[in-house]
Structures are given as structure tokens and as C-alpha cells.
Amino acid sequence: MGNQATSGEKPTTEEDQSKIQWEVAKSEEDWKKELKSEEFHVLREKGTERAFTGEYWDNKEPGNYSCRACGNPLFESGTKFDSGTGWPSFYKPLKGNAVKEFTDNSMWSTRTEVVCGKCGSHMGHVFNDGPKPTGLRYCMNSCSLKFEKK
């Protein structure tokens, strides 16, 4: 399977992604008004922040991580681990429908993109080199997340 990983469901294609009616739907202009420049680039244009520069890559506080664009709860700190990659990494989402996965054929390889299950914003990618119990590494961009301390 290479770098592609999945939490169990078969990832869908980008074509499928464009057909989804997201629960939180806004025009790209509206997103652009609400998000900072880097946030818009990552969340809506599928960009990536540089490793070891994000706000949460080394955060060890107890709490929950939600989508910065729409507030959908995504991950909890108990599933966060130090992957050594410089991005916040988790071994499972908070609940089954918190995120959706899509096949990503960009960057000369096949990976599994992770998007918010409510608004479709790009969060990062999931890989099959994570710890037990799932063996998955949800490698997220800090600027796509918002942390709420417990």
C-alpha cells in the first residue's frame, strides 16, 4: 500500500470529494475573509505548513483539537504522540465521522488526505506507521487545528 493508509473505510477520490454536500458550506470568498492567509492556504488550498513551526507540534497539554475553520471536534490529546515529524500527530480521530479520507495522488506518490468531516477543510494526511492500538499516524497541520485546554 506504500504511503497510503486508511482507518478502515476505502478512501474516496478527489472527484468524490467535490460532490459532497458539507454540513458547513461557505464560498471560498467567505472562507478567505474568515481565515488568516496561512490558514486559508492550508485549509482550503491543501497547503502544508513547515515542520516544527506550528503552534501545536510540541503541545503536551490535556484537551481537544477541533477544526480551525468550523469548530468540529477532531482529536483528543490522549491520542496525540511525538512522531518526530514536526507536525501534531494522533493515532485516531475523536469519533468515527470527525474526519473523512480521500486518495491524494499529488506530490509524486499516493497518500491518504484527511479533511474535516463537517466542512471538508484539509487537515493533513494519515500514514500507516503510527503506534498501537491503530498503527495509524494522523499527521495534521497545526494551523488547521484549534486547541481547547481541559
Protein backbone atom coordinates (compact mmCIF):
# COMPACT_ATOMS: atom_id res chain seq x y z
CA MET A 1 0.00 0.00 0.00
CA GLY A 2 3.03 2.33 0.16
CA ASN A 3 2.42 5.59 1.99
CA GLN A 4 -1.33 5.26 1.71
CA ALA A 5 -3.15 4.43 4.92
CA THR A 6 -6.76 4.23 5.94
CA SER A 7 -8.71 3.96 9.15
CA GLY A 8 -10.80 1.16 7.67
CA GLU A 9 -13.02 2.79 5.07
CA LYS A 10 -11.78 2.87 1.50
CA PRO A 11 -10.57 6.41 0.73
CA THR A 12 -12.60 8.19 -1.89
CA THR A 13 -11.23 10.22 -4.78
CA GLU A 14 -10.97 13.98 -5.19
CA GLU A 15 -13.82 13.72 -7.70
CA ASP A 16 -16.00 12.18 -4.98
CA GLN A 17 -14.87 14.94 -2.58
CA SER A 18 -16.15 17.67 -4.90
CA LYS A 19 -19.64 16.09 -4.91
CA ILE A 20 -20.08 16.08 -1.13
CA GLN A 21 -22.60 18.48 0.38
CA TRP A 22 -20.73 19.55 3.51
CA GLU A 23 -22.70 20.36 6.66
CA VAL A 24 -20.77 23.64 6.90
CA ALA A 25 -20.60 25.07 3.39
CA LYS A 26 -19.26 28.53 2.51
CA SER A 27 -17.90 30.17 -0.59
CA GLU A 28 -14.13 30.36 -0.94
CA GLU A 29 -14.50 34.16 -0.66
CA ASP A 30 -16.23 33.76 2.72
CA TRP A 31 -13.50 31.35 3.92
CA LYS A 32 -10.86 33.84 2.75
CA LYS A 33 -12.47 36.61 4.83
CA GLU A 34 -12.65 34.44 7.97
CA LEU A 35 -9.24 32.75 7.91
CA LYS A 36 -5.72 34.13 8.12
CA SER A 37 -3.65 33.81 4.95
CA GLU A 38 -1.70 30.69 6.02
CA GLU A 39 -4.85 29.08 7.44
CA PHE A 40 -6.68 29.63 4.15
CA HIS A 41 -3.74 28.23 2.18
CA VAL A 42 -3.62 25.04 4.28
CA LEU A 43 -7.31 24.52 4.99
CA ARG A 44 -8.81 25.47 1.63
CA GLU A 45 -5.92 25.11 -0.85
CA LYS A 46 -4.44 21.93 0.65
CA GLY A 47 -1.15 23.53 1.62
CA THR A 48 1.31 22.35 4.26
CA GLU A 49 2.99 24.37 6.98
CA ARG A 50 6.72 23.86 7.53
CA ALA A 51 7.67 21.17 10.04
CA PHE A 52 8.49 22.25 13.61
CA THR A 53 6.94 25.71 13.08
CA GLY A 54 3.30 25.13 14.02
CA GLU A 55 1.66 26.09 17.27
CA TYR A 56 0.79 22.53 18.41
CA TRP A 57 3.53 20.20 17.16
CA ASP A 58 5.01 20.02 20.68
CA ASN A 59 1.88 20.74 22.74
CA LYS A 60 1.51 18.31 25.66
CA GLU A 61 -1.45 19.99 27.42
CA PRO A 62 -4.59 17.91 28.01
CA GLY A 63 -7.51 18.98 25.83
CA ASN A 64 -9.26 18.64 22.49
CA TYR A 65 -8.34 19.69 18.97
CA SER A 66 -11.03 20.92 16.59
CA CYS A 67 -11.16 22.18 13.01
CA ARG A 68 -9.97 25.80 12.92
CA ALA A 69 -12.41 26.57 10.10
CA CYS A 70 -15.69 25.25 11.56
CA GLY A 71 -15.03 24.09 15.14
CA ASN A 72 -15.78 20.39 14.51
CA PRO A 73 -14.14 18.29 17.30
CA LEU A 74 -11.45 16.10 15.68
CA PHE A 75 -8.85 14.70 18.12
CA GLU A 76 -8.19 14.50 21.84
CA SER A 77 -4.81 14.92 23.47
CA GLY A 78 -4.78 11.36 24.82
CA THR A 79 -4.28 10.09 21.25
CA LYS A 80 -1.52 12.59 20.41
CA PHE A 81 2.05 11.28 20.24
CA ASP A 82 5.52 12.51 19.33
CA SER A 83 6.09 11.21 15.80
CA GLY A 84 9.34 13.16 15.37
CA THR A 85 7.95 14.74 12.19
CA GLY A 86 7.38 18.28 13.47
CA TRP A 87 3.60 18.15 12.98
CA PRO A 88 0.93 17.25 15.55
CA SER A 89 0.29 13.50 15.21
CA PHE A 90 -2.59 11.42 16.55
CA TYR A 91 -3.35 7.70 16.31
CA LYS A 92 -7.13 8.08 15.93
CA PRO A 93 -9.85 10.72 15.45
CA LEU A 94 -12.19 11.66 18.28
CA LYS A 95 -15.17 9.92 16.66
CA GLY A 96 -15.77 7.92 13.51
CA ASN A 97 -17.19 10.74 11.38
CA ALA A 98 -14.93 13.54 12.66
CA VAL A 99 -12.75 13.29 9.56
CA LYS A 100 -13.06 11.94 6.03
CA GLU A 101 -10.27 10.40 3.99
CA PHE A 102 -9.50 10.80 0.29
CA THR A 103 -6.89 9.37 -2.03
CA ASP A 104 -4.30 12.05 -2.78
CA ASN A 105 -2.12 11.48 -5.85
CA SER A 106 -0.21 14.77 -5.62
CA MET A 107 3.49 15.06 -4.77
CA TRP A 108 4.52 12.09 -6.96
CA SER A 109 3.02 9.46 -4.64
CA THR A 110 -0.27 8.12 -3.38
CA ARG A 111 -1.21 9.25 0.12
CA THR A 112 -4.44 9.50 2.11
CA GLU A 113 -5.62 13.06 2.67
CA VAL A 114 -7.56 13.84 5.86
CA VAL A 115 -10.28 16.52 5.77
CA CYS A 116 -12.74 17.79 8.35
CA GLY A 117 -15.91 15.70 8.28
CA LYS A 118 -18.12 18.80 8.59
CA CYS A 119 -16.62 21.40 6.24
CA GLY A 120 -14.16 19.47 4.06
CA SER A 121 -11.17 21.60 5.05
CA HIS A 122 -7.74 19.99 4.58
CA MET A 123 -6.17 18.85 7.85
CA GLY A 124 -3.19 16.77 6.69
CA HIS A 125 -2.58 13.10 5.84
CA VAL A 126 -2.79 9.72 7.54
CA PHE A 127 0.01 7.14 7.28
CA ASN A 128 0.29 3.51 8.38
CA ASP A 129 3.38 3.98 10.56
CA GLY A 130 1.73 5.02 13.84
CA PRO A 131 1.69 3.40 17.29
CA LYS A 132 -0.67 0.81 18.72
CA PRO A 133 -3.58 0.37 19.01
CA THR A 134 -4.35 1.60 15.46
CA GLY A 135 -0.96 1.66 13.73
CA LEU A 136 -2.01 4.96 12.14
CA ARG A 137 -0.38 8.39 12.21
CA TYR A 138 -2.76 11.27 11.54
CA CYS A 139 -0.18 13.93 10.66
CA MET A 140 -2.00 17.28 10.91
CA ASN A 141 -1.10 20.90 10.24
CA SER A 142 -1.17 22.99 13.43
CA CYS A 143 -2.81 25.91 11.64
CA SER A 144 -5.73 23.66 10.64
CA LEU A 145 -6.43 22.92 14.30
CA LYS A 146 -7.72 24.87 17.28
CA PHE A 147 -6.83 23.59 20.75
CA GLU A 148 -9.12 23.81 23.76
CA LYS A 149 -7.40 23.07 27.07
CA LYS A 150 -9.24 20.79 29.51
